[in-house]
Amino acid sequence: MYISKINEFLYKNVLIKGVCNITIEGDSVLHVKGDSYSQIDGSVYQEIKGDVQQLISGDCEQTIDGDFDINTSGDLNISADNVNIDSDLNVTGDVAGNQSVAAVGNITAGMSVSATKSVETTGYMAAAVSVTSPIISDIV
């Protein structure tokens, strides 16, 4: 069964040598009723002059061997049950929380740390400017 599936794919190939431009003057829909795979041996560049929306019904995973940069001129909003960061977190600017700000290690701030509920750490807390919270422990 597997060999016949491979042979099916072998006879339905399109090969384009050289540069190929495709222009569609109108809307376009690509409907794949199975899995879709892309292999790009170079870089990918996209210019999107409108919005981007994705609906992912399952999980989403990205593995990146280099840096991952997000640059926005507006807000970056993350909505989740939990945000787990398994690394150091370096913040330039303020850290503010409407609930609590907690750390298993240390909290060090060059600007300010504030929370309307509490700031908690099992390590030490250091702030060069100001720390504001109703409950504070281990302030340096």
N, C-alpha and C. Protein backbone atom coordinates (compact mmCIF):
# COMPACT_ATOMS: atom_id res chain seq x y z
N MET A 1 0.82 -1.19 0.00
CA MET A 1 0.00 0.00 0.00
C MET A 1 0.87 1.26 0.00
N TYR A 2 1.94 1.27 0.82
CA TYR A 2 2.80 2.44 0.92
C TYR A 2 3.52 2.72 -0.41
N ILE A 3 4.03 1.66 -1.07
CA ILE A 3 4.74 1.82 -2.34
C ILE A 3 3.82 2.41 -3.40
N SER A 4 2.57 1.95 -3.45
CA SER A 4 1.65 2.48 -4.46
C SER A 4 1.36 3.96 -4.19
N LYS A 5 1.33 4.39 -2.93
CA LYS A 5 1.12 5.80 -2.59
C LYS A 5 2.31 6.63 -3.09
N ILE A 6 3.53 6.12 -2.92
CA ILE A 6 4.72 6.83 -3.41
C ILE A 6 4.66 6.95 -4.93
N ASN A 7 4.31 5.89 -5.62
CA ASN A 7 4.21 5.93 -7.07
C ASN A 7 3.15 6.92 -7.54
N GLU A 8 2.06 7.04 -6.78
CA GLU A 8 1.03 8.02 -7.10
C GLU A 8 1.64 9.42 -7.10
N PHE A 9 2.44 9.73 -6.07
CA PHE A 9 3.06 11.04 -5.97
C PHE A 9 4.10 11.27 -7.07
N LEU A 10 4.81 10.22 -7.47
CA LEU A 10 5.85 10.37 -8.48
C LEU A 10 5.29 10.81 -9.83
N TYR A 11 4.08 10.47 -10.13
CA TYR A 11 3.51 10.79 -11.44
C TYR A 11 2.66 12.05 -11.43
N LYS A 12 2.67 12.78 -10.34
CA LYS A 12 1.89 14.01 -10.25
C LYS A 12 2.77 15.18 -9.81
N ASN A 13 3.93 15.29 -10.38
CA ASN A 13 4.88 16.34 -10.01
C ASN A 13 4.87 17.44 -11.05
N VAL A 14 5.20 18.64 -10.61
CA VAL A 14 5.39 19.78 -11.50
C VAL A 14 6.80 20.31 -11.21
N LEU A 15 7.62 20.43 -12.25
CA LEU A 15 8.98 20.95 -12.10
C LEU A 15 9.09 22.22 -12.92
N ILE A 16 9.51 23.30 -12.28
CA ILE A 16 9.73 24.57 -12.96
C ILE A 16 11.18 24.93 -12.73
N LYS A 17 11.96 25.04 -13.80
CA LYS A 17 13.36 25.44 -13.69
C LYS A 17 13.45 26.93 -13.98
N GLY A 18 14.18 27.63 -13.13
CA GLY A 18 14.31 29.07 -13.32
C GLY A 18 13.32 29.81 -12.44
N VAL A 19 13.20 31.11 -12.69
CA VAL A 19 12.33 31.96 -11.90
C VAL A 19 10.89 31.78 -12.35
N CYS A 20 9.97 31.78 -11.40
CA CYS A 20 8.55 31.64 -11.71
C CYS A 20 7.78 32.67 -10.90
N ASN A 21 6.99 33.48 -11.53
CA ASN A 21 6.12 34.44 -10.86
C ASN A 21 4.68 34.05 -11.14
N ILE A 22 3.85 34.03 -10.12
CA ILE A 22 2.43 33.76 -10.27
C ILE A 22 1.68 34.97 -9.75
N THR A 23 0.84 35.56 -10.57
CA THR A 23 0.03 36.71 -10.18
C THR A 23 -1.43 36.33 -10.32
N ILE A 24 -2.18 36.56 -9.28
CA ILE A 24 -3.61 36.30 -9.28
C ILE A 24 -4.30 37.64 -9.05
N GLU A 25 -5.04 38.10 -10.01
CA GLU A 25 -5.74 39.38 -9.88
C GLU A 25 -7.13 39.14 -9.32
N GLY A 26 -7.19 38.87 -8.04
CA GLY A 26 -8.43 38.55 -7.34
C GLY A 26 -8.11 37.67 -6.15
N ASP A 27 -9.15 37.15 -5.51
CA ASP A 27 -8.96 36.29 -4.35
C ASP A 27 -8.42 34.94 -4.76
N SER A 28 -7.84 34.22 -3.80
CA SER A 28 -7.29 32.89 -4.05
C SER A 28 -7.56 32.00 -2.85
N VAL A 29 -7.92 30.74 -3.10
CA VAL A 29 -8.15 29.77 -2.04
C VAL A 29 -7.37 28.52 -2.39
N LEU A 30 -6.58 28.02 -1.44
CA LEU A 30 -5.89 26.75 -1.59
C LEU A 30 -6.48 25.82 -0.54
N HIS A 31 -7.15 24.77 -0.97
CA HIS A 31 -7.79 23.83 -0.05
C HIS A 31 -7.09 22.49 -0.20
N VAL A 32 -6.37 22.08 0.84
CA VAL A 32 -5.67 20.80 0.85
C VAL A 32 -6.47 19.88 1.77
N LYS A 33 -6.97 18.79 1.22
CA LYS A 33 -7.81 17.89 2.01
C LYS A 33 -6.98 16.79 2.67
N GLY A 34 -5.75 17.06 2.94
CA GLY A 34 -4.83 16.16 3.64
C GLY A 34 -3.78 17.02 4.30
N ASP A 35 -2.64 16.46 4.59
CA ASP A 35 -1.53 17.21 5.17
C ASP A 35 -0.85 18.04 4.09
N SER A 36 -0.21 19.13 4.50
CA SER A 36 0.53 19.99 3.59
C SER A 36 1.95 20.15 4.10
N TYR A 37 2.92 20.00 3.24
CA TYR A 37 4.33 20.10 3.60
C TYR A 37 5.01 21.10 2.68
N SER A 38 5.87 21.93 3.24
CA SER A 38 6.68 22.86 2.45
C SER A 38 8.13 22.68 2.84
N GLN A 39 9.01 22.67 1.87
CA GLN A 39 10.45 22.66 2.14
C GLN A 39 11.05 23.81 1.36
N ILE A 40 11.67 24.73 2.07
CA ILE A 40 12.30 25.90 1.46
C ILE A 40 13.78 25.82 1.80
N ASP A 41 14.64 25.69 0.80
CA ASP A 41 16.07 25.56 1.04
C ASP A 41 16.75 26.92 1.22
N GLY A 42 16.03 28.00 1.00
CA GLY A 42 16.57 29.34 1.22
C GLY A 42 15.76 30.04 2.30
N SER A 43 15.65 31.33 2.23
CA SER A 43 14.89 32.13 3.20
C SER A 43 13.46 32.33 2.71
N VAL A 44 12.59 32.77 3.63
CA VAL A 44 11.21 33.09 3.29
C VAL A 44 10.98 34.56 3.60
N TYR A 45 10.47 35.30 2.65
CA TYR A 45 10.16 36.72 2.83
C TYR A 45 8.69 36.91 2.47
N GLN A 46 7.94 37.55 3.36
CA GLN A 46 6.54 37.83 3.10
C GLN A 46 6.27 39.29 3.38
N GLU A 47 5.53 39.93 2.50
CA GLU A 47 5.06 41.29 2.73
C GLU A 47 3.54 41.23 2.68
N ILE A 48 2.91 41.50 3.81
CA ILE A 48 1.46 41.41 3.92
C ILE A 48 0.96 42.81 4.22
N LYS A 49 0.20 43.37 3.30
CA LYS A 49 -0.24 44.75 3.46
C LYS A 49 -1.57 44.86 4.20
N GLY A 50 -2.16 43.74 4.57
CA GLY A 50 -3.39 43.73 5.36
C GLY A 50 -3.16 42.99 6.66
N ASP A 51 -4.21 42.49 7.24
CA ASP A 51 -4.14 41.76 8.50
C ASP A 51 -3.81 40.29 8.26
N VAL A 52 -3.37 39.60 9.32
CA VAL A 52 -3.13 38.16 9.28
C VAL A 52 -3.95 37.53 10.40
N GLN A 53 -4.72 36.53 10.06
CA GLN A 53 -5.48 35.78 11.06
C GLN A 53 -5.24 34.31 10.83
N GLN A 54 -4.99 33.57 11.90
CA GLN A 54 -4.81 32.13 11.83
C GLN A 54 -5.69 31.49 12.87
N LEU A 55 -6.39 30.44 12.50
CA LEU A 55 -7.14 29.62 13.44
C LEU A 55 -6.48 28.26 13.46
N ILE A 56 -5.92 27.89 14.60
CA ILE A 56 -5.23 26.61 14.75
C ILE A 56 -6.04 25.79 15.74
N SER A 57 -6.66 24.72 15.26
CA SER A 57 -7.52 23.91 16.12
C SER A 57 -6.73 22.98 17.02
N GLY A 58 -5.50 22.66 16.67
CA GLY A 58 -4.65 21.79 17.49
C GLY A 58 -3.54 22.60 18.13
N ASP A 59 -2.45 21.95 18.45
CA ASP A 59 -1.29 22.60 19.06
C ASP A 59 -0.45 23.30 17.99
N CYS A 60 0.38 24.24 18.41
CA CYS A 60 1.30 24.94 17.51
C CYS A 60 2.68 24.90 18.17
N GLU A 61 3.68 24.45 17.43
CA GLU A 61 5.03 24.35 17.96
C GLU A 61 6.01 24.93 16.95
N GLN A 62 6.95 25.73 17.43
CA GLN A 62 8.02 26.26 16.59
C GLN A 62 9.34 25.94 17.24
N THR A 63 10.29 25.46 16.45
CA THR A 63 11.65 25.23 16.91
C THR A 63 12.54 26.18 16.12
N ILE A 64 13.28 27.02 16.83
CA ILE A 64 14.09 28.05 16.20
C ILE A 64 15.52 27.88 16.70
N ASP A 65 16.46 27.67 15.77
CA ASP A 65 17.85 27.47 16.16
C ASP A 65 18.57 28.80 16.43
N GLY A 66 18.03 29.90 15.95
CA GLY A 66 18.66 31.20 16.16
C GLY A 66 17.81 32.08 17.05
N ASP A 67 17.94 33.39 16.91
CA ASP A 67 17.16 34.35 17.69
C ASP A 67 15.74 34.44 17.14
N PHE A 68 14.81 34.88 17.98
CA PHE A 68 13.42 35.09 17.59
C PHE A 68 13.04 36.49 18.06
N ASP A 69 12.83 37.40 17.14
CA ASP A 69 12.55 38.80 17.47
C ASP A 69 11.11 39.13 17.11
N ILE A 70 10.43 39.85 18.00
CA ILE A 70 9.10 40.37 17.72
C ILE A 70 9.20 41.88 17.85
N ASN A 71 8.88 42.60 16.79
CA ASN A 71 8.90 44.06 16.81
C ASN A 71 7.51 44.55 16.44
N THR A 72 6.90 45.37 17.27
CA THR A 72 5.59 45.91 16.97
C THR A 72 5.55 47.38 17.36
N SER A 73 4.83 48.17 16.58
CA SER A 73 4.66 49.58 16.94
C SER A 73 3.44 49.75 17.84
N GLY A 74 2.66 48.67 18.05
CA GLY A 74 1.51 48.69 18.94
C GLY A 74 1.73 47.78 20.12
N ASP A 75 0.66 47.39 20.77
CA ASP A 75 0.73 46.51 21.94
C ASP A 75 0.96 45.06 21.51
N LEU A 76 1.58 44.28 22.38
CA LEU A 76 1.70 42.83 22.22
C LEU A 76 0.90 42.23 23.35
N ASN A 77 -0.21 41.58 23.02
CA ASN A 77 -1.11 41.02 24.02
C ASN A 77 -1.01 39.50 23.98
N ILE A 78 -0.84 38.89 25.14
CA ILE A 78 -0.80 37.44 25.26
C ILE A 78 -1.91 37.02 26.21
N SER A 79 -2.81 36.17 25.75
CA SER A 79 -3.89 35.68 26.58
C SER A 79 -3.75 34.17 26.68
N ALA A 80 -3.56 33.65 27.89
CA ALA A 80 -3.36 32.22 28.08
C ALA A 80 -3.71 31.86 29.52
N ASP A 81 -3.92 30.57 29.77
CA ASP A 81 -4.13 30.12 31.14
C ASP A 81 -2.86 30.35 31.96
N ASN A 82 -1.71 30.01 31.40
CA ASN A 82 -0.41 30.22 32.05
C ASN A 82 0.60 30.60 30.97
N VAL A 83 1.56 31.42 31.33
CA VAL A 83 2.70 31.70 30.46
C VAL A 83 3.92 31.19 31.22
N ASN A 84 4.55 30.16 30.69
CA ASN A 84 5.70 29.53 31.33
C ASN A 84 6.95 29.91 30.55
N ILE A 85 7.92 30.48 31.21
CA ILE A 85 9.17 30.87 30.58
C ILE A 85 10.28 30.08 31.24
N ASP A 86 10.94 29.22 30.48
CA ASP A 86 11.99 28.36 31.00
C ASP A 86 13.35 28.96 30.64
N SER A 87 13.59 30.17 31.13
CA SER A 87 14.81 30.88 30.82
C SER A 87 14.86 32.15 31.66
N ASP A 88 15.93 32.91 31.54
CA ASP A 88 15.99 34.21 32.17
C ASP A 88 15.03 35.14 31.43
N LEU A 89 14.44 36.07 32.16
CA LEU A 89 13.55 37.07 31.56
C LEU A 89 14.17 38.44 31.79
N ASN A 90 14.57 39.08 30.73
CA ASN A 90 15.16 40.41 30.80
C ASN A 90 14.13 41.42 30.29
N VAL A 91 13.76 42.37 31.13
CA VAL A 91 12.76 43.36 30.78
C VAL A 91 13.40 44.74 30.83
N THR A 92 13.26 45.51 29.77
CA THR A 92 13.69 46.90 29.76
C THR A 92 12.44 47.74 29.94
N GLY A 93 12.31 48.39 31.06
CA GLY A 93 11.10 49.14 31.36
C GLY A 93 10.47 48.63 32.64
N ASP A 94 9.18 48.86 32.81
CA ASP A 94 8.47 48.51 34.03
C ASP A 94 7.89 47.10 33.95
N VAL A 95 7.76 46.48 35.12
CA VAL A 95 7.02 45.24 35.27
C VAL A 95 5.85 45.57 36.18
N ALA A 96 4.63 45.46 35.64
CA ALA A 96 3.44 45.79 36.41
C ALA A 96 2.48 44.62 36.33
N GLY A 97 1.84 44.29 37.44
CA GLY A 97 0.88 43.19 37.44
C GLY A 97 -0.40 43.58 38.13
N ASN A 98 -1.56 43.20 37.56
CA ASN A 98 -2.84 43.43 38.22
C ASN A 98 -3.10 42.37 39.29
N GLN A 99 -2.44 41.24 39.17
CA GLN A 99 -2.56 40.18 40.17
C GLN A 99 -1.25 40.15 40.95
N SER A 100 -0.53 39.03 40.95
CA SER A 100 0.73 38.97 41.67
C SER A 100 1.88 38.74 40.71
N VAL A 101 3.05 39.19 41.12
CA VAL A 101 4.28 38.94 40.39
C VAL A 101 5.10 38.03 41.28
N ALA A 102 5.43 36.83 40.79
CA ALA A 102 6.14 35.85 41.63
C ALA A 102 7.34 35.31 40.88
N ALA A 103 8.38 34.97 41.64
CA ALA A 103 9.58 34.38 41.06
C ALA A 103 10.15 33.37 42.03
N VAL A 104 10.62 32.24 41.51
CA VAL A 104 11.29 31.26 42.36
C VAL A 104 12.68 31.76 42.69
N GLY A 105 13.29 32.48 41.75
CA GLY A 105 14.62 33.04 41.97
C GLY A 105 14.54 34.49 42.39
N ASN A 106 15.38 35.31 41.81
CA ASN A 106 15.49 36.71 42.20
C ASN A 106 14.69 37.60 41.25
N ILE A 107 14.29 38.76 41.75
CA ILE A 107 13.69 39.81 40.93
C ILE A 107 14.61 41.02 41.03
N THR A 108 15.14 41.44 39.91
CA THR A 108 16.01 42.61 39.87
C THR A 108 15.43 43.58 38.85
N ALA A 109 15.22 44.83 39.23
CA ALA A 109 14.63 45.81 38.34
C ALA A 109 15.48 47.07 38.32
N GLY A 110 15.78 47.55 37.14
CA GLY A 110 16.50 48.82 37.00
C GLY A 110 15.55 50.00 37.02
N MET A 111 14.27 49.77 36.69
CA MET A 111 13.29 50.86 36.67
C MET A 111 12.36 50.72 37.88
N SER A 112 11.27 49.92 37.76
CA SER A 112 10.37 49.73 38.90
C SER A 112 9.61 48.43 38.77
N VAL A 113 9.15 47.92 39.90
CA VAL A 113 8.31 46.73 39.95
C VAL A 113 7.06 47.12 40.71
N SER A 114 5.88 46.85 40.13
CA SER A 114 4.66 47.18 40.85
C SER A 114 3.59 46.13 40.58
N ALA A 115 2.77 45.90 41.59
CA ALA A 115 1.64 44.98 41.47
C ALA A 115 0.54 45.46 42.41
N THR A 116 -0.72 45.34 42.00
CA THR A 116 -1.82 45.77 42.87
C THR A 116 -2.12 44.74 43.94
N LYS A 117 -1.66 43.49 43.78
CA LYS A 117 -1.90 42.45 44.80
C LYS A 117 -0.62 42.18 45.59
N SER A 118 0.38 41.50 44.98
CA SER A 118 1.60 41.19 45.74
C SER A 118 2.77 40.95 44.82
N VAL A 119 3.96 41.09 45.39
CA VAL A 119 5.20 40.72 44.71
C VAL A 119 5.91 39.75 45.64
N GLU A 120 6.18 38.54 45.13
CA GLU A 120 6.76 37.51 45.97
C GLU A 120 7.94 36.86 45.29
N THR A 121 8.97 36.54 46.06
CA THR A 121 10.12 35.83 45.54
C THR A 121 10.77 35.03 46.67
N THR A 122 11.29 33.86 46.34
CA THR A 122 12.04 33.09 47.33
C THR A 122 13.49 33.56 47.37
N GLY A 123 13.89 34.34 46.38
CA GLY A 123 15.24 34.91 46.37
C GLY A 123 15.19 36.32 46.93
N TYR A 124 16.00 37.21 46.38
CA TYR A 124 15.99 38.59 46.85
C TYR A 124 15.34 39.46 45.78
N MET A 125 14.95 40.67 46.17
CA MET A 125 14.37 41.62 45.23
C MET A 125 15.19 42.89 45.28
N ALA A 126 15.63 43.36 44.14
CA ALA A 126 16.42 44.60 44.06
C ALA A 126 15.80 45.51 43.02
N ALA A 127 15.62 46.77 43.35
CA ALA A 127 15.08 47.74 42.41
C ALA A 127 15.86 49.04 42.55
N ALA A 128 16.31 49.59 41.43
CA ALA A 128 17.10 50.81 41.47
C ALA A 128 16.22 52.04 41.67
N VAL A 129 14.93 51.95 41.29
CA VAL A 129 14.08 53.13 41.40
C VAL A 129 12.98 52.94 42.44
N SER A 130 11.94 52.13 42.14
CA SER A 130 10.85 51.99 43.10
C SER A 130 10.22 50.60 43.02
N VAL A 131 9.73 50.14 44.17
CA VAL A 131 8.98 48.90 44.26
C VAL A 131 7.67 49.25 44.95
N THR A 132 6.54 48.94 44.30
CA THR A 132 5.23 49.27 44.86
C THR A 132 4.39 48.01 44.92
N SER A 133 3.92 47.66 46.12
CA SER A 133 3.05 46.50 46.28
C SER A 133 2.52 46.48 47.70
N PRO A 134 1.30 45.96 47.92
CA PRO A 134 0.79 45.85 49.28
C PRO A 134 1.59 44.87 50.13
N ILE A 135 2.12 43.78 49.51
CA ILE A 135 2.89 42.78 50.25
C ILE A 135 4.24 42.62 49.55
N ILE A 136 5.34 42.86 50.25
CA ILE A 136 6.67 42.77 49.66
C ILE A 136 7.56 41.99 50.61
N SER A 137 8.40 41.10 50.03
CA SER A 137 9.32 40.34 50.88
C SER A 137 10.74 40.43 50.36
N ASP A 138 11.71 40.43 51.23
CA ASP A 138 13.14 40.36 50.89
C ASP A 138 13.55 41.49 49.94
N ILE A 139 13.31 42.72 50.30
CA ILE A 139 13.70 43.85 49.44
C ILE A 139 15.13 44.25 49.77
N VAL A 140 15.91 44.45 48.68
CA VAL A 140 17.28 44.92 48.83
C VAL A 140 17.33 46.36 48.36
